[in-house]
Amino acid sequence: MPDLPPNIMNIIVAALVVLAVLIVVLLVWRALSPRMSGRRGQRLGISEYHELDKTRRLVLVRRDNVEHLLLIGGPQDVVVEAGIQVPGTPAAYVPQSPSASPQPVTRPAPRAPIFGDRRPSPVRPAEASDPPLTSPSGRDPD
C-alpha cells in the first residue's frame, strides 16, 4: 500500500469494520425474520404432493384459501380439480335456491359499422406480369 498517514488508515479500517458489521446484521435479520409477501402474507403454497412415478406428481396447490389439484410432469400438465374449499373457510360460491327464476339471456345491441358509409378500396388482383415473391436473400425459405 502507498504510504498513507496513520489517521487515514484508521478511518479506512473503521469504515471496513462498520461495513462488515452491517452485512452480518442484515444476514442475521433476514434469516430470523418471517417471510412475508404482500399485505396479507403468503397467498400461494403447496399443501401436499404425491409422486405417481418418476416423471409425474399429483400436487395440491393452495391459493387464497382455495385448493387446486394438479397433475404435473409427463407430456402435459393437467388441472384435475379446481376450486376445492379449504375446511373452515366460507365458500366463495353460494348456490341459488331452486325457487329463484333464471334471468333471460339478452343479446347486446348491434354495433355501428366500422367504416360507416365508406368502404375500403378493394385490393387489386395479382397479374401475371408482377414479379414472384421471394425471400429477402433471394433463396427459397425451404
C-alpha atoms as a PDB file:
ATOM      1  CA  MET A   1       0.000   0.000   0.000  1.00  0.00           C
ATOM      2  CA  PRO A   2       1.199   3.525  -0.558  1.00  0.00           C
ATOM      3  CA  ASP A   3       2.382   5.387   2.459  1.00  0.00           C
ATOM      4  CA  LEU A   4      -0.727   6.956   3.965  1.00  0.00           C
ATOM      5  CA  PRO A   5      -0.869   8.949   7.141  1.00  0.00           C
ATOM      6  CA  PRO A   6      -1.929   6.816  10.122  1.00  0.00           C
ATOM      7  CA  ASN A   7      -5.008   8.982  10.537  1.00  0.00           C
ATOM      8  CA  ILE A   8      -6.431   7.942   7.124  1.00  0.00           C
ATOM      9  CA  MET A   9      -5.539   4.265   7.704  1.00  0.00           C
ATOM     10  CA  ASN A  10      -7.559   4.312  10.934  1.00  0.00           C
ATOM     11  CA  ILE A  11     -10.554   5.786   9.084  1.00  0.00           C
ATOM     12  CA  ILE A  12     -10.371   3.131   6.328  1.00  0.00           C
ATOM     13  CA  VAL A  13     -10.122   0.273   8.839  1.00  0.00           C
ATOM     14  CA  ALA A  14     -13.044   1.673  10.869  1.00  0.00           C
ATOM     15  CA  ALA A  15     -15.195   2.008   7.725  1.00  0.00           C
ATOM     16  CA  LEU A  16     -14.472  -1.606   6.738  1.00  0.00           C
ATOM     17  CA  VAL A  17     -15.341  -2.839  10.235  1.00  0.00           C
ATOM     18  CA  VAL A  18     -18.636  -0.896  10.205  1.00  0.00           C
ATOM     19  CA  LEU A  19     -19.471  -2.283   6.742  1.00  0.00           C
ATOM     20  CA  ALA A  20     -18.752  -5.855   7.884  1.00  0.00           C
ATOM     21  CA  VAL A  21     -20.933  -5.418  10.984  1.00  0.00           C
ATOM     22  CA  LEU A  22     -23.805  -4.053   8.859  1.00  0.00           C
ATOM     23  CA  ILE A  23     -23.587  -7.029   6.485  1.00  0.00           C
ATOM     24  CA  VAL A  24     -23.628  -9.512   9.384  1.00  0.00           C
ATOM     25  CA  VAL A  25     -26.620  -7.758  10.999  1.00  0.00           C
ATOM     26  CA  LEU A  26     -28.501  -7.792   7.678  1.00  0.00           C
ATOM     27  CA  LEU A  27     -27.857 -11.519   7.151  1.00  0.00           C
ATOM     28  CA  VAL A  28     -28.955 -12.398  10.697  1.00  0.00           C
ATOM     29  CA  TRP A  29     -32.083 -10.236  10.402  1.00  0.00           C
ATOM     30  CA  ARG A  30     -33.088 -11.842   7.080  1.00  0.00           C
ATOM     31  CA  ALA A  31     -32.515 -15.349   8.474  1.00  0.00           C
ATOM     32  CA  LEU A  32     -34.636 -14.759  11.578  1.00  0.00           C
ATOM     33  CA  SER A  33     -37.451 -12.656  10.108  1.00  0.00           C
ATOM     34  CA  PRO A  34     -40.578 -14.439   8.817  1.00  0.00           C
ATOM     35  CA  ARG A  35     -41.121 -14.497   5.087  1.00  0.00           C
ATOM     36  CA  MET A  36     -43.918 -12.073   4.221  1.00  0.00           C
ATOM     37  CA  SER A  37     -45.060 -11.232   0.729  1.00  0.00           C
ATOM     38  CA  GLY A  38     -47.681  -8.580   0.293  1.00  0.00           C
ATOM     39  CA  ARG A  39     -50.002  -7.185   2.931  1.00  0.00           C
ATOM     40  CA  ARG A  40     -51.677 -10.444   3.948  1.00  0.00           C
ATOM     41  CA  GLY A  41     -48.691 -12.786   3.981  1.00  0.00           C
ATOM     42  CA  GLN A  42     -48.278 -15.737   1.670  1.00  0.00           C
ATOM     43  CA  ARG A  43     -51.178 -16.319  -0.687  1.00  0.00           C
ATOM     44  CA  LEU A  44     -49.717 -19.247  -2.620  1.00  0.00           C
ATOM     45  CA  GLY A  45     -48.388 -22.543  -1.322  1.00  0.00           C
ATOM     46  CA  ILE A  46     -48.141 -26.269  -1.943  1.00  0.00           C
ATOM     47  CA  SER A  47     -50.304 -28.123   0.573  1.00  0.00           C
ATOM     48  CA  GLU A  48     -49.370 -31.688  -0.403  1.00  0.00           C
ATOM     49  CA  TYR A  49     -47.835 -33.674  -3.225  1.00  0.00           C
ATOM     50  CA  HIS A  50     -47.669 -37.336  -4.176  1.00  0.00           C
ATOM     51  CA  GLU A  51     -45.211 -38.852  -6.661  1.00  0.00           C
ATOM     52  CA  LEU A  52     -47.034 -41.151  -9.059  1.00  0.00           C
ATOM     53  CA  ASP A  53     -43.947 -42.280 -10.985  1.00  0.00           C
ATOM     54  CA  LYS A  54     -40.514 -40.907 -11.959  1.00  0.00           C
ATOM     55  CA  THR A  55     -41.908 -38.036 -14.027  1.00  0.00           C
ATOM     56  CA  ARG A  56     -45.416 -37.270 -12.737  1.00  0.00           C
ATOM     57  CA  ARG A  57     -46.652 -35.742  -9.478  1.00  0.00           C
ATOM     58  CA  LEU A  58     -50.088 -35.044  -8.091  1.00  0.00           C
ATOM     59  CA  VAL A  59     -49.854 -31.619  -6.387  1.00  0.00           C
ATOM     60  CA  LEU A  60     -52.388 -29.856  -4.156  1.00  0.00           C
ATOM     61  CA  VAL A  61     -51.808 -26.094  -4.534  1.00  0.00           C
ATOM     62  CA  ARG A  62     -53.451 -23.602  -2.153  1.00  0.00           C
ATOM     63  CA  ARG A  63     -54.191 -20.003  -3.227  1.00  0.00           C
ATOM     64  CA  ASP A  64     -56.318 -17.612  -1.145  1.00  0.00           C
ATOM     65  CA  ASN A  65     -57.918 -20.465   0.862  1.00  0.00           C
ATOM     66  CA  VAL A  66     -58.900 -22.329  -2.313  1.00  0.00           C
ATOM     67  CA  GLU A  67     -57.077 -25.502  -3.327  1.00  0.00           C
ATOM     68  CA  HIS A  68     -56.442 -26.842  -6.825  1.00  0.00           C
ATOM     69  CA  LEU A  69     -55.397 -30.415  -7.631  1.00  0.00           C
ATOM     70  CA  LEU A  70     -52.807 -30.535 -10.442  1.00  0.00           C
ATOM     71  CA  LEU A  71     -51.121 -33.398 -12.286  1.00  0.00           C
ATOM     72  CA  ILE A  72     -47.692 -32.157 -13.361  1.00  0.00           C
ATOM     73  CA  GLY A  73     -44.914 -33.784 -15.340  1.00  0.00           C
ATOM     74  CA  GLY A  74     -45.124 -36.031 -18.343  1.00  0.00           C
ATOM     75  CA  PRO A  75     -46.172 -34.638 -21.715  1.00  0.00           C
ATOM     76  CA  GLN A  76     -48.790 -32.225 -20.349  1.00  0.00           C
ATOM     77  CA  ASP A  77     -49.812 -30.605 -17.044  1.00  0.00           C
ATOM     78  CA  VAL A  78     -53.489 -31.092 -16.176  1.00  0.00           C
ATOM     79  CA  VAL A  79     -55.846 -29.425 -13.689  1.00  0.00           C
ATOM     80  CA  VAL A  80     -57.597 -32.423 -12.135  1.00  0.00           C
ATOM     81  CA  GLU A  81     -59.916 -30.435  -9.860  1.00  0.00           C
ATOM     82  CA  ALA A  82     -60.174 -26.686  -9.302  1.00  0.00           C
ATOM     83  CA  GLY A  83     -61.849 -24.650  -6.590  1.00  0.00           C
ATOM     84  CA  ILE A  84     -61.607 -27.083  -3.658  1.00  0.00           C
ATOM     85  CA  GLN A  85     -62.604 -25.182  -0.497  1.00  0.00           C
ATOM     86  CA  VAL A  86     -60.265 -25.426   2.488  1.00  0.00           C
ATOM     87  CA  PRO A  87     -62.200 -26.719   5.537  1.00  0.00           C
ATOM     88  CA  GLY A  88     -63.190 -23.961   7.958  1.00  0.00           C
ATOM     89  CA  THR A  89     -63.398 -21.179   5.370  1.00  0.00           C
ATOM     90  CA  PRO A  90     -66.590 -19.758   3.883  1.00  0.00           C
ATOM     91  CA  ALA A  91     -67.477 -20.876   0.399  1.00  0.00           C
ATOM     92  CA  ALA A  92     -66.892 -18.342  -2.359  1.00  0.00           C
ATOM     93  CA  TYR A  93     -69.860 -19.652  -4.363  1.00  0.00           C
ATOM     94  CA  VAL A  94     -73.259 -19.941  -2.748  1.00  0.00           C
ATOM     95  CA  PRO A  95     -75.772 -21.754  -4.993  1.00  0.00           C
ATOM     96  CA  GLN A  96     -79.119 -20.035  -5.528  1.00  0.00           C
ATOM     97  CA  SER A  97     -82.269 -21.580  -4.223  1.00  0.00           C
ATOM     98  CA  PRO A  98     -84.246 -23.555  -6.830  1.00  0.00           C
ATOM     99  CA  SER A  99     -87.237 -21.199  -6.436  1.00  0.00           C
ATOM    100  CA  ALA A 100     -85.307 -18.287  -7.961  1.00  0.00           C
ATOM    101  CA  SER A 101     -86.233 -17.881 -11.622  1.00  0.00           C
ATOM    102  CA  PRO A 102     -83.359 -17.721 -14.082  1.00  0.00           C
ATOM    103  CA  GLN A 103     -82.758 -14.383 -15.776  1.00  0.00           C
ATOM    104  CA  PRO A 104     -83.494 -14.354 -19.525  1.00  0.00           C
ATOM    105  CA  VAL A 105     -80.482 -14.074 -21.788  1.00  0.00           C
ATOM    106  CA  THR A 106     -80.405 -10.799 -23.696  1.00  0.00           C
ATOM    107  CA  ARG A 107     -78.364 -10.083 -26.778  1.00  0.00           C
ATOM    108  CA  PRO A 108     -76.295  -6.917 -26.876  1.00  0.00           C
ATOM    109  CA  ALA A 109     -77.347  -4.152 -29.255  1.00  0.00           C
ATOM    110  CA  PRO A 110     -75.702  -4.299 -32.686  1.00  0.00           C
ATOM    111  CA  ARG A 111     -72.632  -2.117 -33.145  1.00  0.00           C
ATOM    112  CA  ALA A 112     -72.343   0.601 -35.741  1.00  0.00           C
ATOM    113  CA  PRO A 113     -70.363  -0.354 -38.863  1.00  0.00           C
ATOM    114  CA  ILE A 114     -66.639   0.262 -38.545  1.00  0.00           C
ATOM    115  CA  PHE A 115     -66.267   2.173 -41.806  1.00  0.00           C
ATOM    116  CA  GLY A 116     -69.694   3.819 -41.754  1.00  0.00           C
ATOM    117  CA  ASP A 117     -70.828   4.609 -45.298  1.00  0.00           C
ATOM    118  CA  ARG A 118     -67.292   4.347 -46.655  1.00  0.00           C
ATOM    119  CA  ARG A 119     -65.835   1.064 -47.760  1.00  0.00           C
ATOM    120  CA  PRO A 120     -62.123   0.365 -48.077  1.00  0.00           C
ATOM    121  CA  SER A 121     -60.807   0.263 -51.601  1.00  0.00           C
ATOM    122  CA  PRO A 122     -60.583  -3.290 -52.913  1.00  0.00           C
ATOM    123  CA  VAL A 123     -57.166  -4.865 -53.328  1.00  0.00           C
ATOM    124  CA  ARG A 124     -56.243  -5.307 -56.960  1.00  0.00           C
ATOM    125  CA  PRO A 125     -55.750  -8.919 -58.054  1.00  0.00           C
ATOM    126  CA  ALA A 126     -52.228 -10.109 -58.836  1.00  0.00           C
ATOM    127  CA  GLU A 127     -51.358 -10.055 -62.501  1.00  0.00           C
ATOM    128  CA  ALA A 128     -49.092 -12.375 -64.428  1.00  0.00           C
ATOM    129  CA  SER A 129     -46.638  -9.510 -65.074  1.00  0.00           C
ATOM    130  CA  ASP A 130     -45.990  -8.994 -61.338  1.00  0.00           C
ATOM    131  CA  PRO A 131     -42.629 -10.387 -60.132  1.00  0.00           C
ATOM    132  CA  PRO A 132     -42.847 -13.513 -57.957  1.00  0.00           C
ATOM    133  CA  LEU A 133     -42.460 -13.114 -54.211  1.00  0.00           C
ATOM    134  CA  THR A 134     -39.197 -14.494 -52.808  1.00  0.00           C
ATOM    135  CA  SER A 135     -37.370 -14.344 -49.519  1.00  0.00           C
ATOM    136  CA  PRO A 136     -35.183 -11.245 -48.883  1.00  0.00           C
ATOM    137  CA  SER A 137     -31.978 -13.147 -49.632  1.00  0.00           C
ATOM    138  CA  GLY A 138     -33.360 -14.394 -52.925  1.00  0.00           C
ATOM    139  CA  ARG A 139     -33.236 -18.012 -51.774  1.00  0.00           C
ATOM    140  CA  ASP A 140     -36.132 -20.326 -51.212  1.00  0.00           C
ATOM    141  CA  PRO A 141     -37.001 -20.451 -47.441  1.00  0.00           C
ATOM    142  CA  ASP A 142     -37.184 -24.270 -47.569  1.00  0.00           C
END
